[in-house]
């Protein structure tokens, strides 16, 4: 029973919360971390798994049992499909394209976009975050807390994890001008991310496999980047077409004057 948890288990769970709450907001801001993002985070994931094993957590605790992989893929695919469809629809619909505007993606060429979608996001973001949160942290918390409390604490830490990247995204996209507006926006995004973390925890719990939240997370981040790039290109094409129409109409008028 969680109420009879060993002190060592409580200490491990508390340490995991503190380390993860600080990692992305402190180490993530360093130039070396940005440059070697997938490699550094892959190493961090390995260290986290090693620490979890040393603390007594098993493959089953971490959602890594082979016999649960098929269920994880089934649950994850079912959850990811509507996300992929919604993002694709938003990208090709003129009214919703501005919602996907992200200057961090718009400024990438094809090679950089491929690197993001094929390596940076799957390895540096999705695999690392799912191993860290729905794998190690969730298992550590479940050992000392009941399921609802473990999900709440883990999701709150997941929200804190996103403070720095959210603030940077707001700055790059020139959103939420003013200190008060930025604080409000960051708080809202962190709360929303915590909610997303809770959903990913539910997938992990229901499927018994880390594969389920991995697929949903990958669908949201990877497809989101592709949809943002597509929306940006289509917006540019529409703008060029509009400029061309204006020139055709304005040209003769200018000549007549």
C-alpha atoms as a PDB file:
ATOM      1  CA  UNK A   1       0.000   0.000   0.000  1.00  0.00           C
ATOM      2  CA  UNK A   2       1.370   3.513  -0.873  1.00  0.00           C
ATOM      3  CA  UNK A   3       0.877   4.617   2.740  1.00  0.00           C
ATOM      4  CA  UNK A   4       3.513   2.120   3.851  1.00  0.00           C
ATOM      5  CA  UNK A   5       6.086   3.179   1.276  1.00  0.00           C
ATOM      6  CA  UNK A   6       9.735   2.913   2.171  1.00  0.00           C
ATOM      7  CA  UNK A   7      11.650   6.109   2.821  1.00  0.00           C
ATOM      8  CA  UNK A   8      13.966   5.301  -0.076  1.00  0.00           C
ATOM      9  CA  UNK A   9      10.989   5.108  -2.448  1.00  0.00           C
ATOM     10  CA  UNK A  10       9.614   8.420  -1.207  1.00  0.00           C
ATOM     11  CA  UNK A  11      13.047  10.018  -1.588  1.00  0.00           C
ATOM     12  CA  UNK A  12      13.396   8.679  -5.142  1.00  0.00           C
ATOM     13  CA  UNK A  13       9.959   9.972  -6.153  1.00  0.00           C
ATOM     14  CA  UNK A  14      10.648  13.405  -4.620  1.00  0.00           C
ATOM     15  CA  UNK A  15      14.062  13.601  -6.286  1.00  0.00           C
ATOM     16  CA  UNK A  16      12.527  12.669  -9.649  1.00  0.00           C
ATOM     17  CA  UNK A  17       9.983  15.488  -9.291  1.00  0.00           C
ATOM     18  CA  UNK A  18      12.643  18.069  -8.425  1.00  0.00           C
ATOM     19  CA  UNK A  19      15.076  16.999 -11.153  1.00  0.00           C
ATOM     20  CA  UNK A  20      12.433  16.940 -13.881  1.00  0.00           C
ATOM     21  CA  UNK A  21      10.883  20.242 -12.802  1.00  0.00           C
ATOM     22  CA  UNK A  22      14.286  21.890 -13.163  1.00  0.00           C
ATOM     23  CA  UNK A  23      15.878  20.003 -16.060  1.00  0.00           C
ATOM     24  CA  UNK A  24      14.059  21.533 -19.004  1.00  0.00           C
ATOM     25  CA  UNK A  25      13.992  25.008 -17.475  1.00  0.00           C
ATOM     26  CA  UNK A  26      17.697  25.095 -16.530  1.00  0.00           C
ATOM     27  CA  UNK A  27      19.725  22.674 -18.660  1.00  0.00           C
ATOM     28  CA  UNK A  28      17.391  23.255 -21.598  1.00  0.00           C
ATOM     29  CA  UNK A  29      18.428  26.902 -21.769  1.00  0.00           C
ATOM     30  CA  UNK A  30      22.135  26.098 -22.236  1.00  0.00           C
ATOM     31  CA  UNK A  31      23.689  26.432 -25.732  1.00  0.00           C
ATOM     32  CA  UNK A  32      25.242  22.968 -25.525  1.00  0.00           C
ATOM     33  CA  UNK A  33      21.867  21.426 -24.769  1.00  0.00           C
ATOM     34  CA  UNK A  34      20.242  23.146 -27.727  1.00  0.00           C
ATOM     35  CA  UNK A  35      23.037  22.058 -30.058  1.00  0.00           C
ATOM     36  CA  UNK A  36      23.101  18.410 -28.974  1.00  0.00           C
ATOM     37  CA  UNK A  37      19.424  18.178 -28.055  1.00  0.00           C
ATOM     38  CA  UNK A  38      18.604  14.613 -29.239  1.00  0.00           C
ATOM     39  CA  UNK A  39      21.884  13.121 -27.984  1.00  0.00           C
ATOM     40  CA  UNK A  40      21.777  14.826 -24.586  1.00  0.00           C
ATOM     41  CA  UNK A  41      18.157  13.880 -23.988  1.00  0.00           C
ATOM     42  CA  UNK A  42      18.730  10.304 -25.155  1.00  0.00           C
ATOM     43  CA  UNK A  43      21.543  10.085 -22.609  1.00  0.00           C
ATOM     44  CA  UNK A  44      19.276  11.587 -19.948  1.00  0.00           C
ATOM     45  CA  UNK A  45      16.623   8.962 -20.757  1.00  0.00           C
ATOM     46  CA  UNK A  46      19.208   6.194 -20.340  1.00  0.00           C
ATOM     47  CA  UNK A  47      20.319   7.625 -17.004  1.00  0.00           C
ATOM     48  CA  UNK A  48      16.692   7.870 -15.841  1.00  0.00           C
ATOM     49  CA  UNK A  49      16.018   4.244 -16.770  1.00  0.00           C
ATOM     50  CA  UNK A  50      19.204   3.141 -15.031  1.00  0.00           C
ATOM     51  CA  UNK A  51      18.251   5.031 -11.875  1.00  0.00           C
ATOM     52  CA  UNK A  52      14.754   3.548 -11.982  1.00  0.00           C
ATOM     53  CA  UNK A  53      16.113   0.014 -12.281  1.00  0.00           C
ATOM     54  CA  UNK A  54      18.561   0.646  -9.433  1.00  0.00           C
ATOM     55  CA  UNK A  55      15.659   1.826  -7.254  1.00  0.00           C
ATOM     56  CA  UNK A  56      13.820  -1.445  -7.822  1.00  0.00           C
ATOM     57  CA  UNK A  57      11.344  -0.435 -10.529  1.00  0.00           C
ATOM     58  CA  UNK A  58      10.628  -3.176 -13.076  1.00  0.00           C
ATOM     59  CA  UNK A  59       9.885  -3.205 -16.816  1.00  0.00           C
ATOM     60  CA  UNK A  60       6.211  -3.676 -15.939  1.00  0.00           C
ATOM     61  CA  UNK A  61       6.288  -0.632 -13.646  1.00  0.00           C
ATOM     62  CA  UNK A  62       7.824   1.440 -16.445  1.00  0.00           C
ATOM     63  CA  UNK A  63       5.391   0.329 -19.148  1.00  0.00           C
ATOM     64  CA  UNK A  64       8.060  -1.597 -21.053  1.00  0.00           C
ATOM     65  CA  UNK A  65       6.657  -5.130 -20.960  1.00  0.00           C
ATOM     66  CA  UNK A  66       6.827  -6.728 -24.396  1.00  0.00           C
ATOM     67  CA  UNK A  67       3.509  -8.507 -24.003  1.00  0.00           C
ATOM     68  CA  UNK A  68       1.763  -5.120 -23.561  1.00  0.00           C
ATOM     69  CA  UNK A  69       3.273  -3.557 -26.695  1.00  0.00           C
ATOM     70  CA  UNK A  70       0.433  -4.589 -28.996  1.00  0.00           C
ATOM     71  CA  UNK A  71      -2.166  -3.101 -26.659  1.00  0.00           C
ATOM     72  CA  UNK A  72      -0.107   0.069 -26.384  1.00  0.00           C
ATOM     73  CA  UNK A  73       0.099   0.426 -30.149  1.00  0.00           C
ATOM     74  CA  UNK A  74      -3.644  -0.167 -30.472  1.00  0.00           C
ATOM     75  CA  UNK A  75      -4.581   2.412 -27.825  1.00  0.00           C
ATOM     76  CA  UNK A  76      -1.996   4.899 -29.077  1.00  0.00           C
ATOM     77  CA  UNK A  77      -3.103   4.635 -32.712  1.00  0.00           C
ATOM     78  CA  UNK A  78      -6.733   5.147 -31.785  1.00  0.00           C
ATOM     79  CA  UNK A  79      -5.841   8.281 -29.797  1.00  0.00           C
ATOM     80  CA  UNK A  80      -3.414   9.647 -32.400  1.00  0.00           C
ATOM     81  CA  UNK A  81      -5.648   9.288 -35.471  1.00  0.00           C
ATOM     82  CA  UNK A  82      -8.072  12.153 -34.680  1.00  0.00           C
ATOM     83  CA  UNK A  83      -5.150  14.414 -33.708  1.00  0.00           C
ATOM     84  CA  UNK A  84      -3.440  13.830 -37.062  1.00  0.00           C
ATOM     85  CA  UNK A  85      -6.721  14.371 -38.917  1.00  0.00           C
ATOM     86  CA  UNK A  86      -7.509  17.594 -37.040  1.00  0.00           C
ATOM     87  CA  UNK A  87      -4.061  19.082 -37.633  1.00  0.00           C
ATOM     88  CA  UNK A  88      -4.152  18.160 -41.312  1.00  0.00           C
ATOM     89  CA  UNK A  89      -7.589  19.722 -41.720  1.00  0.00           C
ATOM     90  CA  UNK A  90      -6.474  22.868 -39.906  1.00  0.00           C
ATOM     91  CA  UNK A  91      -3.472  23.226 -42.228  1.00  0.00           C
ATOM     92  CA  UNK A  92      -5.514  23.079 -45.449  1.00  0.00           C
ATOM     93  CA  UNK A  93      -8.406  25.250 -44.212  1.00  0.00           C
ATOM     94  CA  UNK A  94      -7.723  28.986 -44.750  1.00  0.00           C
ATOM     95  CA  UNK A  95      -9.712  30.058 -41.683  1.00  0.00           C
ATOM     96  CA  UNK A  96      -7.694  27.877 -39.302  1.00  0.00           C
ATOM     97  CA  UNK A  97      -4.195  28.214 -40.807  1.00  0.00           C
ATOM     98  CA  UNK A  98      -3.279  31.220 -38.623  1.00  0.00           C
ATOM     99  CA  UNK A  99      -3.799  29.032 -35.538  1.00  0.00           C
ATOM    100  CA  UNK A 100      -0.800  26.953 -36.652  1.00  0.00           C
ATOM    101  CA  UNK A 101       1.494  29.915 -37.164  1.00  0.00           C
ATOM    102  CA  UNK A 102       4.851  29.292 -35.470  1.00  0.00           C
ATOM    103  CA  UNK A 103       7.897  31.265 -36.528  1.00  0.00           C
ATOM    104  CA  UNK A 104      10.185  28.561 -35.134  1.00  0.00           C
ATOM    105  CA  UNK A 105       8.832  26.232 -37.833  1.00  0.00           C
ATOM    106  CA  UNK A 106       8.230  28.793 -40.573  1.00  0.00           C
ATOM    107  CA  UNK A 107      11.921  29.693 -40.597  1.00  0.00           C
ATOM    108  CA  UNK A 108      13.097  26.109 -41.274  1.00  0.00           C
ATOM    109  CA  UNK A 109      14.159  24.848 -44.689  1.00  0.00           C
ATOM    110  CA  UNK A 110      13.259  21.321 -45.801  1.00  0.00           C
ATOM    111  CA  UNK A 111      16.421  19.758 -44.397  1.00  0.00           C
ATOM    112  CA  UNK A 112      15.929  21.409 -41.020  1.00  0.00           C
ATOM    113  CA  UNK A 113      12.268  20.417 -40.949  1.00  0.00           C
ATOM    114  CA  UNK A 114      13.187  16.804 -41.717  1.00  0.00           C
ATOM    115  CA  UNK A 115      15.726  16.857 -38.876  1.00  0.00           C
ATOM    116  CA  UNK A 116      13.057  18.176 -36.509  1.00  0.00           C
ATOM    117  CA  UNK A 117      10.395  15.660 -37.519  1.00  0.00           C
ATOM    118  CA  UNK A 118      12.593  12.588 -37.906  1.00  0.00           C
ATOM    119  CA  UNK A 119      15.135  13.025 -35.102  1.00  0.00           C
ATOM    120  CA  UNK A 120      14.747  16.019 -32.804  1.00  0.00           C
ATOM    121  CA  UNK A 121      11.084  15.497 -31.947  1.00  0.00           C
ATOM    122  CA  UNK A 122      10.919  11.663 -31.790  1.00  0.00           C
ATOM    123  CA  UNK A 123      14.178  11.165 -29.881  1.00  0.00           C
ATOM    124  CA  UNK A 124      14.890  14.465 -28.127  1.00  0.00           C
ATOM    125  CA  UNK A 125      11.334  15.278 -27.114  1.00  0.00           C
ATOM    126  CA  UNK A 126       8.841  12.413 -27.291  1.00  0.00           C
ATOM    127  CA  UNK A 127      10.958   9.408 -26.271  1.00  0.00           C
ATOM    128  CA  UNK A 128      12.713  11.356 -23.507  1.00  0.00           C
ATOM    129  CA  UNK A 129       9.595  12.950 -22.055  1.00  0.00           C
ATOM    130  CA  UNK A 130       7.552   9.747 -22.129  1.00  0.00           C
ATOM    131  CA  UNK A 131      10.326   7.713 -20.513  1.00  0.00           C
ATOM    132  CA  UNK A 132      10.838  10.442 -17.920  1.00  0.00           C
ATOM    133  CA  UNK A 133       7.188  11.214 -17.101  1.00  0.00           C
ATOM    134  CA  UNK A 134       4.869   8.349 -18.034  1.00  0.00           C
ATOM    135  CA  UNK A 135       7.652   5.849 -17.414  1.00  0.00           C
ATOM    136  CA  UNK A 136      10.004   6.648 -14.531  1.00  0.00           C
ATOM    137  CA  UNK A 137       8.162   9.438 -12.691  1.00  0.00           C
ATOM    138  CA  UNK A 138       4.768   7.782 -12.898  1.00  0.00           C
ATOM    139  CA  UNK A 139       6.177   4.481 -11.637  1.00  0.00           C
ATOM    140  CA  UNK A 140       8.051   6.206  -8.810  1.00  0.00           C
ATOM    141  CA  UNK A 141       4.929   8.103  -7.740  1.00  0.00           C
ATOM    142  CA  UNK A 142       2.671   5.044  -7.987  1.00  0.00           C
ATOM    143  CA  UNK A 143       4.943   3.301  -5.523  1.00  0.00           C
ATOM    144  CA  UNK A 144       4.200   5.919  -2.866  1.00  0.00           C
ATOM    145  CA  UNK A 145       0.836   7.410  -3.891  1.00  0.00           C
ATOM    146  CA  UNK A 146      -2.563   6.208  -5.031  1.00  0.00           C
ATOM    147  CA  UNK A 147      -3.278   6.474  -8.771  1.00  0.00           C
ATOM    148  CA  UNK A 148      -5.244   9.784  -8.791  1.00  0.00           C
ATOM    149  CA  UNK A 149      -2.632  11.566  -6.675  1.00  0.00           C
ATOM    150  CA  UNK A 150       0.251  10.112  -8.703  1.00  0.00           C
ATOM    151  CA  UNK A 151      -1.344  11.331 -11.934  1.00  0.00           C
ATOM    152  CA  UNK A 152      -2.000  14.783 -10.476  1.00  0.00           C
ATOM    153  CA  UNK A 153       1.556  15.248  -9.182  1.00  0.00           C
ATOM    154  CA  UNK A 154       3.200  13.877 -12.321  1.00  0.00           C
ATOM    155  CA  UNK A 155       1.025  16.037 -14.570  1.00  0.00           C
ATOM    156  CA  UNK A 156       1.793  19.146 -12.499  1.00  0.00           C
ATOM    157  CA  UNK A 157       5.527  18.502 -12.896  1.00  0.00           C
ATOM    158  CA  UNK A 158       4.954  18.026 -16.642  1.00  0.00           C
ATOM    159  CA  UNK A 159       3.323  21.462 -16.726  1.00  0.00           C
ATOM    160  CA  UNK A 160       6.275  23.036 -14.876  1.00  0.00           C
ATOM    161  CA  UNK A 161       8.625  21.360 -17.360  1.00  0.00           C
ATOM    162  CA  UNK A 162       7.141  23.529 -20.141  1.00  0.00           C
ATOM    163  CA  UNK A 163       7.565  26.967 -18.544  1.00  0.00           C
ATOM    164  CA  UNK A 164      10.775  27.986 -20.333  1.00  0.00           C
ATOM    165  CA  UNK A 165       9.864  26.648 -23.801  1.00  0.00           C
ATOM    166  CA  UNK A 166       6.472  28.330 -23.568  1.00  0.00           C
ATOM    167  CA  UNK A 167       8.018  31.684 -22.669  1.00  0.00           C
ATOM    168  CA  UNK A 168      10.468  31.341 -25.558  1.00  0.00           C
ATOM    169  CA  UNK A 169       7.716  30.437 -28.021  1.00  0.00           C
ATOM    170  CA  UNK A 170       5.705  33.488 -26.969  1.00  0.00           C
ATOM    171  CA  UNK A 171       8.749  35.723 -27.491  1.00  0.00           C
ATOM    172  CA  UNK A 172       9.625  34.269 -30.911  1.00  0.00           C
ATOM    173  CA  UNK A 173       6.040  34.636 -32.129  1.00  0.00           C
ATOM    174  CA  UNK A 174       5.688  38.107 -30.545  1.00  0.00           C
ATOM    175  CA  UNK A 175       2.695  37.117 -28.469  1.00  0.00           C
ATOM    176  CA  UNK A 176       1.527  38.270 -25.034  1.00  0.00           C
ATOM    177  CA  UNK A 177       3.310  41.619 -24.952  1.00  0.00           C
ATOM    178  CA  UNK A 178       3.811  42.879 -21.423  1.00  0.00           C
ATOM    179  CA  UNK A 179       4.971  41.081 -18.300  1.00  0.00           C
ATOM    180  CA  UNK A 180       1.501  40.434 -16.913  1.00  0.00           C
ATOM    181  CA  UNK A 181       0.223  39.032 -20.200  1.00  0.00           C
ATOM    182  CA  UNK A 182       3.258  36.759 -20.507  1.00  0.00           C
ATOM    183  CA  UNK A 183       2.845  35.391 -16.997  1.00  0.00           C
ATOM    184  CA  UNK A 184      -0.851  34.737 -17.649  1.00  0.00           C
ATOM    185  CA  UNK A 185      -0.116  33.052 -20.987  1.00  0.00           C
ATOM    186  CA  UNK A 186       2.675  30.868 -19.589  1.00  0.00           C
ATOM    187  CA  UNK A 187       0.462  29.852 -16.661  1.00  0.00           C
ATOM    188  CA  UNK A 188      -2.395  28.954 -19.001  1.00  0.00           C
ATOM    189  CA  UNK A 189      -0.160  26.897 -21.293  1.00  0.00           C
ATOM    190  CA  UNK A 190       1.467  25.127 -18.333  1.00  0.00           C
ATOM    191  CA  UNK A 191      -1.983  24.246 -16.993  1.00  0.00           C
ATOM    192  CA  UNK A 192      -3.066  22.997 -20.418  1.00  0.00           C
ATOM    193  CA  UNK A 193       0.105  20.937 -20.709  1.00  0.00           C
ATOM    194  CA  UNK A 194      -0.561  19.432 -17.292  1.00  0.00           C
ATOM    195  CA  UNK A 195      -3.989  18.424 -18.566  1.00  0.00           C
ATOM    196  CA  UNK A 196      -2.385  16.821 -21.620  1.00  0.00           C
ATOM    197  CA  UNK A 197      -0.006  15.015 -19.274  1.00  0.00           C
ATOM    198  CA  UNK A 198      -2.979  13.607 -17.367  1.00  0.00           C
ATOM    199  CA  UNK A 199      -4.458  12.288 -20.632  1.00  0.00           C
ATOM    200  CA  UNK A 200      -1.147  10.630 -21.489  1.00  0.00           C
ATOM    201  CA  UNK A 201      -1.118   9.052 -18.015  1.00  0.00           C
ATOM    202  CA  UNK A 202      -4.585   7.631 -18.630  1.00  0.00           C
ATOM    203  CA  UNK A 203      -3.385   6.087 -21.900  1.00  0.00           C
ATOM    204  CA  UNK A 204      -0.396   4.600 -20.124  1.00  0.00           C
ATOM    205  CA  UNK A 205      -2.613   3.179 -17.365  1.00  0.00           C
ATOM    206  CA  UNK A 206      -5.300   1.749 -19.632  1.00  0.00           C
ATOM    207  CA  UNK A 207      -2.917   0.182 -22.152  1.00  0.00           C
ATOM    208  CA  UNK A 208      -0.253  -0.963 -19.716  1.00  0.00           C
ATOM    209  CA  UNK A 209       2.367   0.200 -22.195  1.00  0.00           C
ATOM    210  CA  UNK A 210       4.475   3.292 -22.746  1.00  0.00           C
ATOM    211  CA  UNK A 211       3.857   2.876 -26.485  1.00  0.00           C
ATOM    212  CA  UNK A 212       0.366   4.405 -26.196  1.00  0.00           C
ATOM    213  CA  UNK A 213       1.384   7.842 -24.873  1.00  0.00           C
ATOM    214  CA  UNK A 214       4.433   7.809 -27.157  1.00  0.00           C
ATOM    215  CA  UNK A 215       2.228   7.501 -30.252  1.00  0.00           C
ATOM    216  CA  UNK A 216      -0.162  10.250 -29.172  1.00  0.00           C
ATOM    217  CA  UNK A 217       2.682  12.567 -28.156  1.00  0.00           C
ATOM    218  CA  UNK A 218       4.486  11.919 -31.456  1.00  0.00           C
ATOM    219  CA  UNK A 219       1.311  12.570 -33.427  1.00  0.00           C
ATOM    220  CA  UNK A 220       0.746  15.899 -31.670  1.00  0.00           C
ATOM    221  CA  UNK A 221       4.324  17.195 -31.910  1.00  0.00           C
ATOM    222  CA  UNK A 222       5.469  15.684 -35.201  1.00  0.00           C
ATOM    223  CA  UNK A 223       2.265  16.247 -37.134  1.00  0.00           C
ATOM    224  CA  UNK A 224       1.965  19.675 -35.509  1.00  0.00           C
ATOM    225  CA  UNK A 225       5.338  20.696 -36.945  1.00  0.00           C
ATOM    226  CA  UNK A 226       4.438  19.390 -40.404  1.00  0.00           C
ATOM    227  CA  UNK A 227       1.031  21.059 -40.293  1.00  0.00           C
ATOM    228  CA  UNK A 228       2.601  24.361 -39.227  1.00  0.00           C
ATOM    229  CA  UNK A 229       5.112  24.178 -42.093  1.00  0.00           C
ATOM    230  CA  UNK A 230       2.374  23.323 -44.596  1.00  0.00           C
ATOM    231  CA  UNK A 231       0.126  26.122 -43.346  1.00  0.00           C
ATOM    232  CA  UNK A 232       3.011  28.612 -43.598  1.00  0.00           C
ATOM    233  CA  UNK A 233       3.785  27.590 -47.187  1.00  0.00           C
ATOM    234  CA  UNK A 234       0.143  27.774 -48.205  1.00  0.00           C
ATOM    235  CA  UNK A 235      -0.197  31.195 -46.585  1.00  0.00           C
ATOM    236  CA  UNK A 236       2.869  32.399 -48.506  1.00  0.00           C
ATOM    237  CA  UNK A 237       1.507  30.985 -51.771  1.00  0.00           C
ATOM    238  CA  UNK A 238      -1.843  32.665 -51.168  1.00  0.00           C
ATOM    239  CA  UNK A 239      -0.081  35.949 -50.429  1.00  0.00           C
ATOM    240  CA  UNK A 240       1.990  35.747 -53.613  1.00  0.00           C
ATOM    241  CA  UNK A 241      -1.092  34.928 -55.645  1.00  0.00           C
ATOM    242  CA  UNK A 242      -2.903  37.892 -54.127  1.00  0.00           C
ATOM    243  CA  UNK A 243       0.030  40.200 -54.843  1.00  0.00           C
ATOM    244  CA  UNK A 244       0.090  39.003 -58.430  1.00  0.00           C
ATOM    245  CA  UNK A 245      -3.598  39.767 -58.857  1.00  0.00           C
ATOM    246  CA  UNK A 246      -3.092  43.265 -57.474  1.00  0.00           C
ATOM    247  CA  UNK A 247      -0.258  43.935 -59.912  1.00  0.00           C
ATOM    248  CA  UNK A 248      -2.338  42.874 -62.912  1.00  0.00           C
ATOM    249  CA  UNK A 249      -5.132  45.217 -61.931  1.00  0.00           C
ATOM    250  CA  UNK A 250      -2.958  48.119 -60.814  1.00  0.00           C
ATOM    251  CA  UNK A 251      -0.541  48.029 -63.735  1.00  0.00           C
ATOM    252  CA  UNK A 252      -2.809  49.438 -66.467  1.00  0.00           C
ATOM    253  CA  UNK A 253      -4.204  52.028 -64.088  1.00  0.00           C
ATOM    254  CA  UNK A 254      -0.765  53.373 -63.298  1.00  0.00           C
ATOM    255  CA  UNK A 255       0.048  53.496 -67.023  1.00  0.00           C
ATOM    256  CA  UNK A 256      -3.088  55.422 -67.818  1.00  0.00           C
ATOM    257  CA  UNK A 257      -2.225  58.058 -65.225  1.00  0.00           C
END
